[in-house]
Structures are given as structure tokens and as C-alpha cells.
């Protein structure tokens, strides 16, 4: 089982803050994003390859090629700007 957390714009657009995913053969962060994108238009638009969506695995910054494992917590969030 994976615990997926959504932050900022993603939480608002998807309408959920977190969920648990199990029984899906996912190996990388990119696999997770691709699987989520197949949920429908809003998901595919926000997780499209031309959109920047950052990820963290177990509170450590990650890239799309990083491996995910059963029991991991994956956070997805848009880039943050500050000033």
C-alpha cells in the first residue's frame, strides 16, 4: 500500500488531501503519476508531462525515476515560489 498526499493546487483541484493505493504494480514516481493521470481529464491535465509536479518519498525530495515501495508515503505538490 502507498499513501499519497496532495498539496496546494493539487489538493484543491483533485478534491482530496490524501489516499491509499494498493494492488497496483507501480515502480517509480513517474509510474504513479501516469497511473493517476488515467483517472480523467482533471487528473491528466494536472499531471501532464509538460506540467511540473514535484514529489517526495517519505519526506525526501524525489525525481520521476526514483523507485517507490510498498509502505512508502509519496507527496505530490506544485513548485513553490516565494518572495
PDB file of N, CA and C in Angstrom:
ATOM      1  N   UNK A   1       0.834  -1.174   0.000  1.00  0.00           N
ATOM      2  CA  UNK A   1       0.000   0.000   0.000  1.00  0.00           C
ATOM      3  C   UNK A   1       0.885   1.246   0.000  1.00  0.00           C
ATOM      4  N   UNK A   2       0.502   2.229  -0.792  1.00  0.00           N
ATOM      5  CA  UNK A   2       1.155   3.529  -0.811  1.00  0.00           C
ATOM      6  C   UNK A   2       0.209   4.555  -0.212  1.00  0.00           C
ATOM      7  N   UNK A   3       0.754   5.495   0.528  1.00  0.00           N
ATOM      8  CA  UNK A   3      -0.033   6.628   0.978  1.00  0.00           C
ATOM      9  C   UNK A   3       0.389   7.809   0.115  1.00  0.00           C
ATOM     10  N   UNK A   4      -0.564   8.403  -0.586  1.00  0.00           N
ATOM     11  CA  UNK A   4      -0.283   9.524  -1.468  1.00  0.00           C
ATOM     12  C   UNK A   4      -0.923  10.773  -0.876  1.00  0.00           C
ATOM     13  N   UNK A   5      -0.106  11.816  -0.738  1.00  0.00           N
ATOM     14  CA  UNK A   5      -0.554  13.097  -0.200  1.00  0.00           C
ATOM     15  C   UNK A   5      -0.536  14.133  -1.316  1.00  0.00           C
ATOM     16  N   UNK A   6      -1.567  14.974  -1.352  1.00  0.00           N
ATOM     17  CA  UNK A   6      -1.656  16.035  -2.355  1.00  0.00           C
ATOM     18  C   UNK A   6      -1.614  17.381  -1.634  1.00  0.00           C
ATOM     19  N   UNK A   7      -0.831  18.306  -2.177  1.00  0.00           N
ATOM     20  CA  UNK A   7      -0.669  19.604  -1.535  1.00  0.00           C
ATOM     21  C   UNK A   7      -1.019  20.750  -2.486  1.00  0.00           C
ATOM     22  N   UNK A   8      -1.355  21.890  -1.885  1.00  0.00           N
ATOM     23  CA  UNK A   8      -1.595  23.150  -2.591  1.00  0.00           C
ATOM     24  C   UNK A   8      -2.647  22.975  -3.689  1.00  0.00           C
ATOM     25  N   UNK A   9      -2.332  23.444  -4.895  1.00  0.00           N
ATOM     26  CA  UNK A   9      -3.281  23.427  -6.006  1.00  0.00           C
ATOM     27  C   UNK A   9      -3.795  22.020  -6.290  1.00  0.00           C
ATOM     28  N   UNK A  10      -2.939  21.012  -6.173  1.00  0.00           N
ATOM     29  CA  UNK A  10      -3.369  19.644  -6.475  1.00  0.00           C
ATOM     30  C   UNK A  10      -4.470  19.186  -5.522  1.00  0.00           C
ATOM     31  N   UNK A  11      -4.331  19.508  -4.253  1.00  0.00           N
ATOM     32  CA  UNK A  11      -5.358  19.121  -3.270  1.00  0.00           C
ATOM     33  C   UNK A  11      -6.683  19.793  -3.616  1.00  0.00           C
ATOM     34  N   UNK A  12      -6.624  21.058  -3.989  1.00  0.00           N
ATOM     35  CA  UNK A  12      -7.845  21.796  -4.323  1.00  0.00           C
ATOM     36  C   UNK A  12      -8.507  21.245  -5.585  1.00  0.00           C
ATOM     37  N   UNK A  13      -7.725  21.009  -6.619  1.00  0.00           N
ATOM     38  CA  UNK A  13      -8.282  20.564  -7.896  1.00  0.00           C
ATOM     39  C   UNK A  13      -8.776  19.127  -7.833  1.00  0.00           C
ATOM     40  N   UNK A  14      -8.017  18.255  -7.177  1.00  0.00           N
ATOM     41  CA  UNK A  14      -8.420  16.851  -7.088  1.00  0.00           C
ATOM     42  C   UNK A  14      -9.512  16.630  -6.047  1.00  0.00           C
ATOM     43  N   UNK A  15      -9.625  17.552  -5.097  1.00  0.00           N
ATOM     44  CA  UNK A  15     -10.668  17.443  -4.090  1.00  0.00           C
ATOM     45  C   UNK A  15     -10.376  16.453  -2.973  1.00  0.00           C
ATOM     46  N   UNK A  16      -9.117  16.036  -2.846  1.00  0.00           N
ATOM     47  CA  UNK A  16      -8.726  15.149  -1.750  1.00  0.00           C
ATOM     48  C   UNK A  16      -7.339  15.539  -1.254  1.00  0.00           C
ATOM     49  N   UNK A  17      -7.097  15.313   0.019  1.00  0.00           N
ATOM     50  CA  UNK A  17      -5.794  15.630   0.609  1.00  0.00           C
ATOM     51  C   UNK A  17      -4.864  14.423   0.603  1.00  0.00           C
ATOM     52  N   UNK A  18      -5.444  13.228   0.679  1.00  0.00           N
ATOM     53  CA  UNK A  18      -4.621  12.021   0.693  1.00  0.00           C
ATOM     54  C   UNK A  18      -5.467  10.813   0.345  1.00  0.00           C
ATOM     55  N   UNK A  19      -4.780   9.736   0.007  1.00  0.00           N
ATOM     56  CA  UNK A  19      -5.454   8.467  -0.269  1.00  0.00           C
ATOM     57  C   UNK A  19      -4.454   7.336  -0.143  1.00  0.00           C
ATOM     58  N   UNK A  20      -4.973   6.131  -0.048  1.00  0.00           N
ATOM     59  CA  UNK A  20      -4.137   4.938  -0.010  1.00  0.00           C
ATOM     60  C   UNK A  20      -4.386   4.154  -1.284  1.00  0.00           C
ATOM     61  N   UNK A  21      -3.301   3.702  -1.883  1.00  0.00           N
ATOM     62  CA  UNK A  21      -3.371   2.949  -3.134  1.00  0.00           C
ATOM     63  C   UNK A  21      -2.712   1.598  -2.906  1.00  0.00           C
ATOM     64  N   UNK A  22      -3.429   0.557  -3.253  1.00  0.00           N
ATOM     65  CA  UNK A  22      -2.847  -0.784  -3.118  1.00  0.00           C
ATOM     66  C   UNK A  22      -3.255  -1.639  -4.308  1.00  0.00           C
ATOM     67  N   UNK A  23      -2.489  -2.678  -4.527  1.00  0.00           N
ATOM     68  CA  UNK A  23      -2.814  -3.615  -5.594  1.00  0.00           C
ATOM     69  C   UNK A  23      -2.495  -3.127  -6.993  1.00  0.00           C
ATOM     70  N   UNK A  24      -1.725  -2.052  -7.100  1.00  0.00           N
ATOM     71  CA  UNK A  24      -1.347  -1.521  -8.407  1.00  0.00           C
ATOM     72  C   UNK A  24       0.169  -1.658  -8.549  1.00  0.00           C
ATOM     73  N   UNK A  25       0.643  -2.307  -9.611  1.00  0.00           N
ATOM     74  CA  UNK A  25       2.095  -2.503  -9.767  1.00  0.00           C
ATOM     75  C   UNK A  25       2.796  -1.229 -10.243  1.00  0.00           C
ATOM     76  N   UNK A  26       3.261  -0.430  -9.311  1.00  0.00           N
ATOM     77  CA  UNK A  26       3.951   0.820  -9.614  1.00  0.00           C
ATOM     78  C   UNK A  26       5.392   0.708  -9.147  1.00  0.00           C
ATOM     79  N   UNK A  27       6.328   1.113  -9.994  1.00  0.00           N
ATOM     80  CA  UNK A  27       7.742   1.007  -9.642  1.00  0.00           C
ATOM     81  C   UNK A  27       8.399   2.353  -9.358  1.00  0.00           C
ATOM     82  N   UNK A  28       7.955   3.414 -10.043  1.00  0.00           N
ATOM     83  CA  UNK A  28       8.601   4.720  -9.913  1.00  0.00           C
ATOM     84  C   UNK A  28       7.565   5.817  -9.683  1.00  0.00           C
ATOM     85  N   UNK A  29       8.058   6.983  -9.344  1.00  0.00           N
ATOM     86  CA  UNK A  29       7.187   8.148  -9.197  1.00  0.00           C
ATOM     87  C   UNK A  29       6.478   8.420 -10.528  1.00  0.00           C
ATOM     88  N   UNK A  30       7.186   8.295 -11.631  1.00  0.00           N
ATOM     89  CA  UNK A  30       6.582   8.503 -12.949  1.00  0.00           C
ATOM     90  C   UNK A  30       5.431   7.526 -13.190  1.00  0.00           C
ATOM     91  N   UNK A  31       5.604   6.267 -12.780  1.00  0.00           N
ATOM     92  CA  UNK A  31       4.528   5.275 -12.914  1.00  0.00           C
ATOM     93  C   UNK A  31       3.290   5.724 -12.137  1.00  0.00           C
ATOM     94  N   UNK A  32       3.505   6.229 -10.932  1.00  0.00           N
ATOM     95  CA  UNK A  32       2.386   6.693 -10.107  1.00  0.00           C
ATOM     96  C   UNK A  32       1.663   7.847 -10.786  1.00  0.00           C
ATOM     97  N   UNK A  33       2.417   8.836 -11.259  1.00  0.00           N
ATOM     98  CA  UNK A  33       1.806   9.994 -11.927  1.00  0.00           C
ATOM     99  C   UNK A  33       1.016   9.552 -13.162  1.00  0.00           C
ATOM    100  N   UNK A  34       1.600   8.638 -13.939  1.00  0.00           N
ATOM    101  CA  UNK A  34       0.916   8.148 -15.140  1.00  0.00           C
ATOM    102  C   UNK A  34      -0.371   7.408 -14.773  1.00  0.00           C
ATOM    103  N   UNK A  35      -0.309   6.575 -13.756  1.00  0.00           N
ATOM    104  CA  UNK A  35      -1.495   5.833 -13.317  1.00  0.00           C
ATOM    105  C   UNK A  35      -2.584   6.794 -12.843  1.00  0.00           C
ATOM    106  N   UNK A  36      -2.200   7.795 -12.060  1.00  0.00           N
ATOM    107  CA  UNK A  36      -3.167   8.786 -11.584  1.00  0.00           C
ATOM    108  C   UNK A  36      -3.761   9.584 -12.736  1.00  0.00           C
ATOM    109  N   UNK A  37      -2.957   9.898 -13.737  1.00  0.00           N
ATOM    110  CA  UNK A  37      -3.415  10.699 -14.878  1.00  0.00           C
ATOM    111  C   UNK A  37      -4.537  10.012 -15.649  1.00  0.00           C
ATOM    112  N   UNK A  38      -4.616   8.698 -15.570  1.00  0.00           N
ATOM    113  CA  UNK A  38      -5.666   7.964 -16.280  1.00  0.00           C
ATOM    114  C   UNK A  38      -7.024   8.033 -15.587  1.00  0.00           C
ATOM    115  N   UNK A  39      -7.110   8.755 -14.489  1.00  0.00           N
ATOM    116  CA  UNK A  39      -8.380   8.877 -13.766  1.00  0.00           C
ATOM    117  C   UNK A  39      -9.374   9.797 -14.472  1.00  0.00           C
ATOM    118  N   UNK A  40      -8.903  10.648 -15.326  1.00  0.00           N
ATOM    119  CA  UNK A  40      -9.814  11.542 -16.017  1.00  0.00           C
ATOM    120  C   UNK A  40      -9.162  12.860 -16.363  1.00  0.00           C
ATOM    121  N   UNK A  41      -9.971  13.743 -16.930  1.00  0.00           N
ATOM    122  CA  UNK A  41      -9.463  14.983 -17.501  1.00  0.00           C
ATOM    123  C   UNK A  41      -8.701  15.871 -16.526  1.00  0.00           C
ATOM    124  N   UNK A  42      -9.253  16.117 -15.352  1.00  0.00           N
ATOM    125  CA  UNK A  42      -8.575  16.985 -14.387  1.00  0.00           C
ATOM    126  C   UNK A  42      -7.235  16.379 -13.993  1.00  0.00           C
ATOM    127  N   UNK A  43      -7.229  15.088 -13.738  1.00  0.00           N
ATOM    128  CA  UNK A  43      -6.006  14.392 -13.347  1.00  0.00           C
ATOM    129  C   UNK A  43      -4.981  14.423 -14.471  1.00  0.00           C
ATOM    130  N   UNK A  44      -5.415  14.110 -15.690  1.00  0.00           N
ATOM    131  CA  UNK A  44      -4.471  14.077 -16.809  1.00  0.00           C
ATOM    132  C   UNK A  44      -3.938  15.470 -17.132  1.00  0.00           C
ATOM    133  N   UNK A  45      -4.747  16.486 -16.970  1.00  0.00           N
ATOM    134  CA  UNK A  45      -4.295  17.856 -17.221  1.00  0.00           C
ATOM    135  C   UNK A  45      -3.245  18.279 -16.191  1.00  0.00           C
ATOM    136  N   UNK A  46      -3.505  18.048 -14.928  1.00  0.00           N
ATOM    137  CA  UNK A  46      -2.590  18.480 -13.869  1.00  0.00           C
ATOM    138  C   UNK A  46      -1.305  17.650 -13.812  1.00  0.00           C
ATOM    139  N   UNK A  47      -1.366  16.406 -14.272  1.00  0.00           N
ATOM    140  CA  UNK A  47      -0.198  15.534 -14.222  1.00  0.00           C
ATOM    141  C   UNK A  47       0.427  15.316 -15.596  1.00  0.00           C
ATOM    142  N   UNK A  48       0.068  16.171 -16.556  1.00  0.00           N
ATOM    143  CA  UNK A  48       0.615  16.080 -17.906  1.00  0.00           C
ATOM    144  C   UNK A  48       2.134  16.268 -17.876  1.00  0.00           C
ATOM    145  N   UNK A  49       2.798  15.703 -18.867  1.00  0.00           N
ATOM    146  CA  UNK A  49       4.262  15.744 -18.886  1.00  0.00           C
ATOM    147  C   UNK A  49       4.813  17.163 -19.005  1.00  0.00           C
ATOM    148  N   UNK A  50       4.022  18.106 -19.508  1.00  0.00           N
ATOM    149  CA  UNK A  50       4.512  19.490 -19.624  1.00  0.00           C
ATOM    150  C   UNK A  50       4.290  20.304 -18.349  1.00  0.00           C
ATOM    151  N   UNK A  51       3.666  19.716 -17.337  1.00  0.00           N
ATOM    152  CA  UNK A  51       3.447  20.391 -16.053  1.00  0.00           C
ATOM    153  C   UNK A  51       4.485  19.908 -15.044  1.00  0.00           C
ATOM    154  N   UNK A  52       4.979  20.836 -14.247  1.00  0.00           N
ATOM    155  CA  UNK A  52       5.944  20.465 -13.214  1.00  0.00           C
ATOM    156  C   UNK A  52       5.174  20.100 -11.943  1.00  0.00           C
ATOM    157  N   UNK A  53       5.348  18.880 -11.512  1.00  0.00           N
ATOM    158  CA  UNK A  53       4.777  18.403 -10.254  1.00  0.00           C
ATOM    159  C   UNK A  53       5.922  17.769  -9.479  1.00  0.00           C
ATOM    160  N   UNK A  54       6.232  18.326  -8.348  1.00  0.00           N
ATOM    161  CA  UNK A  54       7.320  17.820  -7.510  1.00  0.00           C
ATOM    162  C   UNK A  54       6.817  16.618  -6.707  1.00  0.00           C
ATOM    163  N   UNK A  55       7.769  15.822  -6.233  1.00  0.00           N
ATOM    164  CA  UNK A  55       7.416  14.649  -5.439  1.00  0.00           C
ATOM    165  C   UNK A  55       8.411  14.488  -4.295  1.00  0.00           C
ATOM    166  N   UNK A  56       7.923  13.865  -3.240  1.00  0.00           N
ATOM    167  CA  UNK A  56       8.779  13.466  -2.125  1.00  0.00           C
ATOM    168  C   UNK A  56       8.372  12.053  -1.728  1.00  0.00           C
ATOM    169  N   UNK A  57       9.364  11.242  -1.435  1.00  0.00           N
ATOM    170  CA  UNK A  57       9.123   9.892  -0.945  1.00  0.00           C
ATOM    171  C   UNK A  57       9.588   9.857   0.501  1.00  0.00           C
ATOM    172  N   UNK A  58       8.665   9.562   1.388  1.00  0.00           N
ATOM    173  CA  UNK A  58       8.968   9.514   2.825  1.00  0.00           C
ATOM    174  C   UNK A  58       9.680  10.792   3.288  1.00  0.00           C
ATOM    175  N   UNK A  59       9.164  11.920   2.810  1.00  0.00           N
ATOM    176  CA  UNK A  59       9.612  13.265   3.176  1.00  0.00           C
ATOM    177  C   UNK A  59      11.004  13.606   2.665  1.00  0.00           C
ATOM    178  N   UNK A  60      11.459  12.911   1.633  1.00  0.00           N
ATOM    179  CA  UNK A  60      12.731  13.207   0.969  1.00  0.00           C
ATOM    180  C   UNK A  60      12.418  13.552  -0.488  1.00  0.00           C
ATOM    181  N   UNK A  61      12.930  14.673  -0.977  1.00  0.00           N
ATOM    182  CA  UNK A  61      12.676  15.062  -2.356  1.00  0.00           C
ATOM    183  C   UNK A  61      13.047  13.920  -3.297  1.00  0.00           C
ATOM    184  N   UNK A  62      12.236  13.760  -4.341  1.00  0.00           N
ATOM    185  CA  UNK A  62      12.419  12.655  -5.273  1.00  0.00           C
ATOM    186  C   UNK A  62      12.234  13.147  -6.704  1.00  0.00           C
ATOM    187  N   UNK A  63      12.709  12.343  -7.643  1.00  0.00           N
ATOM    188  CA  UNK A  63      12.507  12.614  -9.059  1.00  0.00           C
ATOM    189  C   UNK A  63      11.602  11.538  -9.642  1.00  0.00           C
ATOM    190  N   UNK A  64      11.195  11.735 -10.882  1.00  0.00           N
ATOM    191  CA  UNK A  64      10.290  10.777 -11.515  1.00  0.00           C
ATOM    192  C   UNK A  64      10.885   9.375 -11.643  1.00  0.00           C
ATOM    193  N   UNK A  65      12.195   9.258 -11.680  1.00  0.00           N
ATOM    194  CA  UNK A  65      12.814   7.937 -11.849  1.00  0.00           C
ATOM    195  C   UNK A  65      13.068   7.219 -10.528  1.00  0.00           C
ATOM    196  N   UNK A  66      12.823   7.885  -9.414  1.00  0.00           N
ATOM    197  CA  UNK A  66      13.045   7.247  -8.118  1.00  0.00           C
ATOM    198  C   UNK A  66      12.035   6.124  -7.885  1.00  0.00           C
ATOM    199  N   UNK A  67      12.537   5.051  -7.298  1.00  0.00           N
ATOM    200  CA  UNK A  67      11.722   3.862  -7.023  1.00  0.00           C
ATOM    201  C   UNK A  67      10.797   4.113  -5.832  1.00  0.00           C
ATOM    202  N   UNK A  68       9.604   3.532  -5.917  1.00  0.00           N
ATOM    203  CA  UNK A  68       8.667   3.556  -4.792  1.00  0.00           C
ATOM    204  C   UNK A  68       8.425   2.115  -4.350  1.00  0.00           C
ATOM    205  N   UNK A  69       8.154   1.980  -3.063  1.00  0.00           N
ATOM    206  CA  UNK A  69       7.978   0.643  -2.485  1.00  0.00           C
ATOM    207  C   UNK A  69       6.724   0.606  -1.618  1.00  0.00           C
ATOM    208  N   UNK A  70       6.213  -0.580  -1.427  1.00  0.00           N
ATOM    209  CA  UNK A  70       5.068  -0.786  -0.566  1.00  0.00           C
ATOM    210  C   UNK A  70       5.351  -0.157   0.806  1.00  0.00           C
ATOM    211  N   UNK A  71       4.413   0.618   1.316  1.00  0.00           N
ATOM    212  CA  UNK A  71       4.567   1.274   2.604  1.00  0.00           C
ATOM    213  C   UNK A  71       5.083   2.697   2.513  1.00  0.00           C
ATOM    214  N   UNK A  72       5.515   3.127   1.319  1.00  0.00           N
ATOM    215  CA  UNK A  72       6.021   4.493   1.164  1.00  0.00           C
ATOM    216  C   UNK A  72       4.900   5.525   1.234  1.00  0.00           C
ATOM    217  N   UNK A  73       5.298   6.724   1.644  1.00  0.00           N
ATOM    218  CA  UNK A  73       4.419   7.886   1.609  1.00  0.00           C
ATOM    219  C   UNK A  73       4.953   8.792   0.503  1.00  0.00           C
ATOM    220  N   UNK A  74       4.112   9.061  -0.490  1.00  0.00           N
ATOM    221  CA  UNK A  74       4.513   9.898  -1.597  1.00  0.00           C
ATOM    222  C   UNK A  74       3.696  11.175  -1.576  1.00  0.00           C
ATOM    223  N   UNK A  75       4.388  12.296  -1.536  1.00  0.00           N
ATOM    224  CA  UNK A  75       3.731  13.608  -1.567  1.00  0.00           C
ATOM    225  C   UNK A  75       3.894  14.189  -2.958  1.00  0.00           C
ATOM    226  N   UNK A  76       2.820  14.720  -3.508  1.00  0.00           N
ATOM    227  CA  UNK A  76       2.849  15.393  -4.798  1.00  0.00           C
ATOM    228  C   UNK A  76       2.427  16.840  -4.598  1.00  0.00           C
ATOM    229  N   UNK A  77       3.192  17.758  -5.190  1.00  0.00           N
ATOM    230  CA  UNK A  77       2.906  19.176  -4.993  1.00  0.00           C
ATOM    231  C   UNK A  77       3.477  19.989  -6.152  1.00  0.00           C
ATOM    232  N   UNK A  78       2.845  21.127  -6.452  1.00  0.00           N
ATOM    233  CA  UNK A  78       3.367  22.004  -7.489  1.00  0.00           C
ATOM    234  C   UNK A  78       4.598  22.741  -6.980  1.00  0.00           C
ATOM    235  N   UNK A  79       5.411  23.278  -7.892  1.00  0.00           N
ATOM    236  CA  UNK A  79       6.558  24.066  -7.444  1.00  0.00           C
ATOM    237  C   UNK A  79       6.084  25.254  -6.601  1.00  0.00           C
ATOM    238  N   UNK A  80       6.877  25.618  -5.640  1.00  0.00           N
ATOM    239  CA  UNK A  80       6.514  26.706  -4.737  1.00  0.00           C
ATOM    240  C   UNK A  80       7.424  27.893  -5.017  1.00  0.00           C
ATOM    241  N   UNK A  81       6.815  29.065  -5.093  1.00  0.00           N
ATOM    242  CA  UNK A  81       7.608  30.280  -5.231  1.00  0.00           C
ATOM    243  C   UNK A  81       7.444  31.112  -3.973  1.00  0.00           C
ATOM    244  N   UNK A  82       8.397  31.908  -3.718  1.00  0.00           N
ATOM    245  CA  UNK A  82       8.321  32.751  -2.520  1.00  0.00           C
ATOM    246  C   UNK A  82       8.993  34.070  -2.780  1.00  0.00           C
ATOM    247  N   UNK A  83       8.875  34.921  -1.806  1.00  0.00           N
ATOM    248  CA  UNK A  83       9.491  36.231  -2.006  1.00  0.00           C
ATOM    249  C   UNK A  83       9.711  36.938  -0.721  1.00  0.00           C
TER     250      UNK A  83
END
